[in-house]
Amino acid sequence: MAGTLTETVTGGLVLIAAAGFIVYGSKLSGFAGGGASYPLTASFRSVEGVTVGTDVRLAGVKVGTVTDLKLNNETFFADATLSVGADVQLPDDTEARIASEGLLGGSFVELLPGGSLTNYKPGDEIEFTQGSVSLIELLLKYVGGGGSGSDAAEPEPAE
């Protein structure tokens, strides 16, 4: 009988620990407690590395997620819908850009607030955007330019 009681208590403790890990993990990932948010749209030349669910960050802090990506057939830009926490009021001259966590890290949408006194309303479009920068393109520009690292022209030899 004592063995059954010990097994029952141990099983209960394991279930409580598992529930704690689930709650902690969901809060850490931003899945639970969604809270109120509002949508903003932004149009990017390139959203390479960004997918639905990608973080939207302000000063390195997650303030929202990308909820939709689609190609605009008129402009051939990628239209992104960003869900931003209702407690974050962004000036209407905020810039949205695709940033990288490092050389091999993932991408995220970074918000850079401006100095305007009026704020975005739900559904507004962020006009100032910068798409993702391809590391390959940067390397090709450097290598294609002769690899000198300087844009200064070489002086011509005197005759």
C-alpha atoms as a PDB file:
ATOM      1  CA  MET A   1       0.000   0.000   0.000  1.00  0.00           C
ATOM      2  CA  ALA A   2       2.862   2.381   0.802  1.00  0.00           C
ATOM      3  CA  GLY A   3       4.373   1.745  -2.652  1.00  0.00           C
ATOM      4  CA  THR A   4       1.119   2.739  -4.374  1.00  0.00           C
ATOM      5  CA  LEU A   5       0.868   5.953  -2.378  1.00  0.00           C
ATOM      6  CA  THR A   6       4.481   6.861  -3.233  1.00  0.00           C
ATOM      7  CA  GLU A   7       3.872   6.177  -6.927  1.00  0.00           C
ATOM      8  CA  THR A   8       0.708   8.306  -6.890  1.00  0.00           C
ATOM      9  CA  VAL A   9       2.460  11.240  -5.200  1.00  0.00           C
ATOM     10  CA  THR A  10       5.433  10.971  -7.580  1.00  0.00           C
ATOM     11  CA  GLY A  11       3.096  10.880 -10.585  1.00  0.00           C
ATOM     12  CA  GLY A  12       1.251  13.948  -9.302  1.00  0.00           C
ATOM     13  CA  LEU A  13       4.520  15.859  -8.850  1.00  0.00           C
ATOM     14  CA  VAL A  14       5.608  14.931 -12.381  1.00  0.00           C
ATOM     15  CA  LEU A  15       2.297  16.223 -13.784  1.00  0.00           C
ATOM     16  CA  ILE A  16       2.605  19.493 -11.840  1.00  0.00           C
ATOM     17  CA  ALA A  17       6.184  19.950 -13.093  1.00  0.00           C
ATOM     18  CA  ALA A  18       5.092  19.242 -16.688  1.00  0.00           C
ATOM     19  CA  ALA A  19       2.270  21.787 -16.426  1.00  0.00           C
ATOM     20  CA  GLY A  20       4.747  24.342 -15.065  1.00  0.00           C
ATOM     21  CA  PHE A  21       7.097  23.776 -18.012  1.00  0.00           C
ATOM     22  CA  ILE A  22       4.216  24.183 -20.468  1.00  0.00           C
ATOM     23  CA  VAL A  23       3.105  27.474 -18.889  1.00  0.00           C
ATOM     24  CA  TYR A  24       6.691  28.772 -18.734  1.00  0.00           C
ATOM     25  CA  GLY A  25       7.413  27.775 -22.336  1.00  0.00           C
ATOM     26  CA  SER A  26       4.229  29.355 -23.666  1.00  0.00           C
ATOM     27  CA  LYS A  27       4.955  32.645 -21.876  1.00  0.00           C
ATOM     28  CA  LEU A  28       8.559  32.628 -23.071  1.00  0.00           C
ATOM     29  CA  SER A  29       7.484  32.099 -26.676  1.00  0.00           C
ATOM     30  CA  GLY A  30       4.780  34.756 -26.468  1.00  0.00           C
ATOM     31  CA  PHE A  31       2.085  32.173 -27.262  1.00  0.00           C
ATOM     32  CA  ALA A  32       0.031  32.572 -24.117  1.00  0.00           C
ATOM     33  CA  GLY A  33      -1.527  35.671 -22.689  1.00  0.00           C
ATOM     34  CA  GLY A  34      -1.724  37.193 -26.163  1.00  0.00           C
ATOM     35  CA  GLY A  35      -3.224  40.380 -24.781  1.00  0.00           C
ATOM     36  CA  ALA A  36      -4.647  43.126 -26.931  1.00  0.00           C
ATOM     37  CA  SER A  37      -2.882  44.096 -30.120  1.00  0.00           C
ATOM     38  CA  TYR A  38      -3.481  46.128 -33.258  1.00  0.00           C
ATOM     39  CA  PRO A  39      -2.497  45.508 -36.883  1.00  0.00           C
ATOM     40  CA  LEU A  40      -0.147  47.640 -38.971  1.00  0.00           C
ATOM     41  CA  THR A  41       0.913  46.998 -42.552  1.00  0.00           C
ATOM     42  CA  ALA A  42       4.276  47.563 -44.208  1.00  0.00           C
ATOM     43  CA  SER A  43       5.492  47.015 -47.754  1.00  0.00           C
ATOM     44  CA  PHE A  44       9.044  45.697 -48.240  1.00  0.00           C
ATOM     45  CA  ARG A  45      11.203  45.232 -51.339  1.00  0.00           C
ATOM     46  CA  SER A  46      12.425  41.945 -49.867  1.00  0.00           C
ATOM     47  CA  VAL A  47      11.316  39.953 -46.825  1.00  0.00           C
ATOM     48  CA  GLU A  48      13.967  37.274 -47.170  1.00  0.00           C
ATOM     49  CA  GLY A  49      14.213  35.342 -43.903  1.00  0.00           C
ATOM     50  CA  VAL A  50      10.863  36.596 -42.557  1.00  0.00           C
ATOM     51  CA  THR A  51       7.849  34.289 -42.234  1.00  0.00           C
ATOM     52  CA  VAL A  52       4.487  34.404 -40.485  1.00  0.00           C
ATOM     53  CA  GLY A  53       5.261  34.285 -36.763  1.00  0.00           C
ATOM     54  CA  THR A  54       8.543  36.207 -37.024  1.00  0.00           C
ATOM     55  CA  ASP A  55       9.198  38.591 -34.122  1.00  0.00           C
ATOM     56  CA  VAL A  56       8.565  42.324 -34.354  1.00  0.00           C
ATOM     57  CA  ARG A  57      11.001  44.085 -32.009  1.00  0.00           C
ATOM     58  CA  LEU A  58      11.469  47.561 -30.620  1.00  0.00           C
ATOM     59  CA  ALA A  59      14.800  48.282 -28.904  1.00  0.00           C
ATOM     60  CA  GLY A  60      15.482  44.534 -28.922  1.00  0.00           C
ATOM     61  CA  VAL A  61      12.249  43.712 -27.068  1.00  0.00           C
ATOM     62  CA  LYS A  62       9.553  41.633 -28.734  1.00  0.00           C
ATOM     63  CA  VAL A  63       6.442  43.799 -29.139  1.00  0.00           C
ATOM     64  CA  GLY A  64       4.572  41.793 -31.754  1.00  0.00           C
ATOM     65  CA  THR A  65       4.653  39.276 -34.589  1.00  0.00           C
ATOM     66  CA  VAL A  66       4.258  39.095 -38.343  1.00  0.00           C
ATOM     67  CA  THR A  67       0.747  37.739 -38.951  1.00  0.00           C
ATOM     68  CA  ASP A  68       0.531  37.789 -42.764  1.00  0.00           C
ATOM     69  CA  LEU A  69       2.801  38.023 -45.820  1.00  0.00           C
ATOM     70  CA  LYS A  70       1.651  38.359 -49.397  1.00  0.00           C
ATOM     71  CA  LEU A  71       2.936  39.645 -52.715  1.00  0.00           C
ATOM     72  CA  ASN A  72       1.437  42.887 -53.979  1.00  0.00           C
ATOM     73  CA  ASN A  73       0.839  42.210 -57.693  1.00  0.00           C
ATOM     74  CA  GLU A  74       0.800  45.931 -58.535  1.00  0.00           C
ATOM     75  CA  THR A  75       4.043  47.023 -56.858  1.00  0.00           C
ATOM     76  CA  PHE A  76       5.789  43.620 -56.727  1.00  0.00           C
ATOM     77  CA  PHE A  77       6.676  44.337 -53.102  1.00  0.00           C
ATOM     78  CA  ALA A  78       5.919  42.034 -50.173  1.00  0.00           C
ATOM     79  CA  ASP A  79       3.085  43.329 -48.002  1.00  0.00           C
ATOM     80  CA  ALA A  80       3.435  42.339 -44.359  1.00  0.00           C
ATOM     81  CA  THR A  81       0.830  42.616 -41.619  1.00  0.00           C
ATOM     82  CA  LEU A  82       2.343  43.220 -38.192  1.00  0.00           C
ATOM     83  CA  SER A  83       0.446  42.650 -34.971  1.00  0.00           C
ATOM     84  CA  VAL A  84       1.788  45.074 -32.346  1.00  0.00           C
ATOM     85  CA  GLY A  85       0.886  45.052 -28.647  1.00  0.00           C
ATOM     86  CA  ALA A  86      -1.754  47.640 -27.725  1.00  0.00           C
ATOM     87  CA  ASP A  87       0.511  49.008 -25.001  1.00  0.00           C
ATOM     88  CA  VAL A  88       3.062  50.079 -27.662  1.00  0.00           C
ATOM     89  CA  GLN A  89       2.030  53.365 -29.284  1.00  0.00           C
ATOM     90  CA  LEU A  90       4.243  54.084 -32.306  1.00  0.00           C
ATOM     91  CA  PRO A  91       4.749  57.551 -33.835  1.00  0.00           C
ATOM     92  CA  ASP A  92       3.509  57.800 -37.423  1.00  0.00           C
ATOM     93  CA  ASP A  93       7.046  58.313 -38.741  1.00  0.00           C
ATOM     94  CA  THR A  94       8.303  54.966 -37.402  1.00  0.00           C
ATOM     95  CA  GLU A  95      10.563  52.961 -39.721  1.00  0.00           C
ATOM     96  CA  ALA A  96      10.212  49.186 -40.121  1.00  0.00           C
ATOM     97  CA  ARG A  97      13.216  47.260 -41.380  1.00  0.00           C
ATOM     98  CA  ILE A  98      14.247  43.656 -41.727  1.00  0.00           C
ATOM     99  CA  ALA A  99      17.203  43.026 -39.436  1.00  0.00           C
ATOM    100  CA  SER A 100      19.341  39.999 -38.667  1.00  0.00           C
ATOM    101  CA  GLU A 101      20.364  38.583 -35.300  1.00  0.00           C
ATOM    102  CA  GLY A 102      23.909  38.126 -36.549  1.00  0.00           C
ATOM    103  CA  LEU A 103      25.900  36.658 -39.390  1.00  0.00           C
ATOM    104  CA  LEU A 104      24.114  33.312 -39.231  1.00  0.00           C
ATOM    105  CA  GLY A 105      21.146  34.310 -37.071  1.00  0.00           C
ATOM    106  CA  GLY A 106      17.502  34.573 -38.009  1.00  0.00           C
ATOM    107  CA  SER A 107      15.707  37.660 -39.236  1.00  0.00           C
ATOM    108  CA  PHE A 108      13.161  39.845 -37.468  1.00  0.00           C
ATOM    109  CA  VAL A 109      11.281  43.080 -38.112  1.00  0.00           C
ATOM    110  CA  GLU A 110      12.828  45.984 -36.231  1.00  0.00           C
ATOM    111  CA  LEU A 111      10.805  49.099 -35.481  1.00  0.00           C
ATOM    112  CA  LEU A 112      12.662  52.406 -35.242  1.00  0.00           C
ATOM    113  CA  PRO A 113      10.343  55.101 -33.840  1.00  0.00           C
ATOM    114  CA  GLY A 114      10.587  58.658 -35.085  1.00  0.00           C
ATOM    115  CA  GLY A 115       9.774  61.894 -33.308  1.00  0.00           C
ATOM    116  CA  SER A 116       6.249  62.617 -34.517  1.00  0.00           C
ATOM    117  CA  LEU A 117       3.628  63.613 -31.978  1.00  0.00           C
ATOM    118  CA  THR A 118       0.849  61.626 -33.672  1.00  0.00           C
ATOM    119  CA  ASN A 119       0.642  57.847 -33.418  1.00  0.00           C
ATOM    120  CA  TYR A 120      -0.398  55.092 -35.791  1.00  0.00           C
ATOM    121  CA  LYS A 121      -3.969  53.866 -35.582  1.00  0.00           C
ATOM    122  CA  PRO A 122      -4.984  50.229 -36.116  1.00  0.00           C
ATOM    123  CA  GLY A 123      -4.727  49.298 -39.787  1.00  0.00           C
ATOM    124  CA  ASP A 124      -2.360  52.149 -40.737  1.00  0.00           C
ATOM    125  CA  GLU A 125       0.553  51.552 -43.095  1.00  0.00           C
ATOM    126  CA  ILE A 126       4.173  52.070 -42.088  1.00  0.00           C
ATOM    127  CA  GLU A 127       5.542  54.111 -44.992  1.00  0.00           C
ATOM    128  CA  PHE A 128       9.246  54.046 -44.151  1.00  0.00           C
ATOM    129  CA  THR A 129      10.589  50.539 -44.705  1.00  0.00           C
ATOM    130  CA  GLN A 130      13.870  48.836 -45.512  1.00  0.00           C
ATOM    131  CA  GLY A 131      13.945  45.298 -46.857  1.00  0.00           C
ATOM    132  CA  SER A 132      16.415  42.605 -45.943  1.00  0.00           C
ATOM    133  CA  VAL A 133      20.001  42.937 -47.124  1.00  0.00           C
ATOM    134  CA  SER A 134      21.492  39.877 -48.752  1.00  0.00           C
ATOM    135  CA  LEU A 135      24.940  38.914 -47.475  1.00  0.00           C
ATOM    136  CA  ILE A 136      25.739  37.369 -50.871  1.00  0.00           C
ATOM    137  CA  GLU A 137      24.943  40.654 -52.664  1.00  0.00           C
ATOM    138  CA  LEU A 138      27.207  42.556 -50.281  1.00  0.00           C
ATOM    139  CA  LEU A 139      30.061  40.101 -50.829  1.00  0.00           C
ATOM    140  CA  LEU A 140      29.641  40.260 -54.612  1.00  0.00           C
ATOM    141  CA  LYS A 141      29.781  44.069 -54.535  1.00  0.00           C
ATOM    142  CA  TYR A 142      32.976  43.949 -52.491  1.00  0.00           C
ATOM    143  CA  VAL A 143      34.637  41.251 -54.608  1.00  0.00           C
ATOM    144  CA  GLY A 144      33.356  42.734 -57.868  1.00  0.00           C
ATOM    145  CA  GLY A 145      34.802  46.138 -56.929  1.00  0.00           C
ATOM    146  CA  GLY A 146      38.338  44.749 -56.893  1.00  0.00           C
ATOM    147  CA  GLY A 147      38.353  43.941 -53.190  1.00  0.00           C
ATOM    148  CA  SER A 148      40.376  47.023 -52.274  1.00  0.00           C
ATOM    149  CA  GLY A 149      37.771  48.127 -49.769  1.00  0.00           C
ATOM    150  CA  SER A 150      38.177  51.746 -50.878  1.00  0.00           C
ATOM    151  CA  ASP A 151      36.059  53.710 -53.299  1.00  0.00           C
ATOM    152  CA  ALA A 152      38.806  56.306 -53.830  1.00  0.00           C
ATOM    153  CA  ALA A 153      40.191  56.463 -57.350  1.00  0.00           C
ATOM    154  CA  GLU A 154      43.819  55.519 -57.920  1.00  0.00           C
ATOM    155  CA  PRO A 155      45.936  58.481 -59.043  1.00  0.00           C
ATOM    156  CA  GLU A 156      47.030  58.307 -62.670  1.00  0.00           C
ATOM    157  CA  PRO A 157      50.795  58.040 -63.286  1.00  0.00           C
ATOM    158  CA  ALA A 158      52.504  61.298 -64.299  1.00  0.00           C
ATOM    159  CA  GLU A 159      53.666  61.524 -67.916  1.00  0.00           C
END
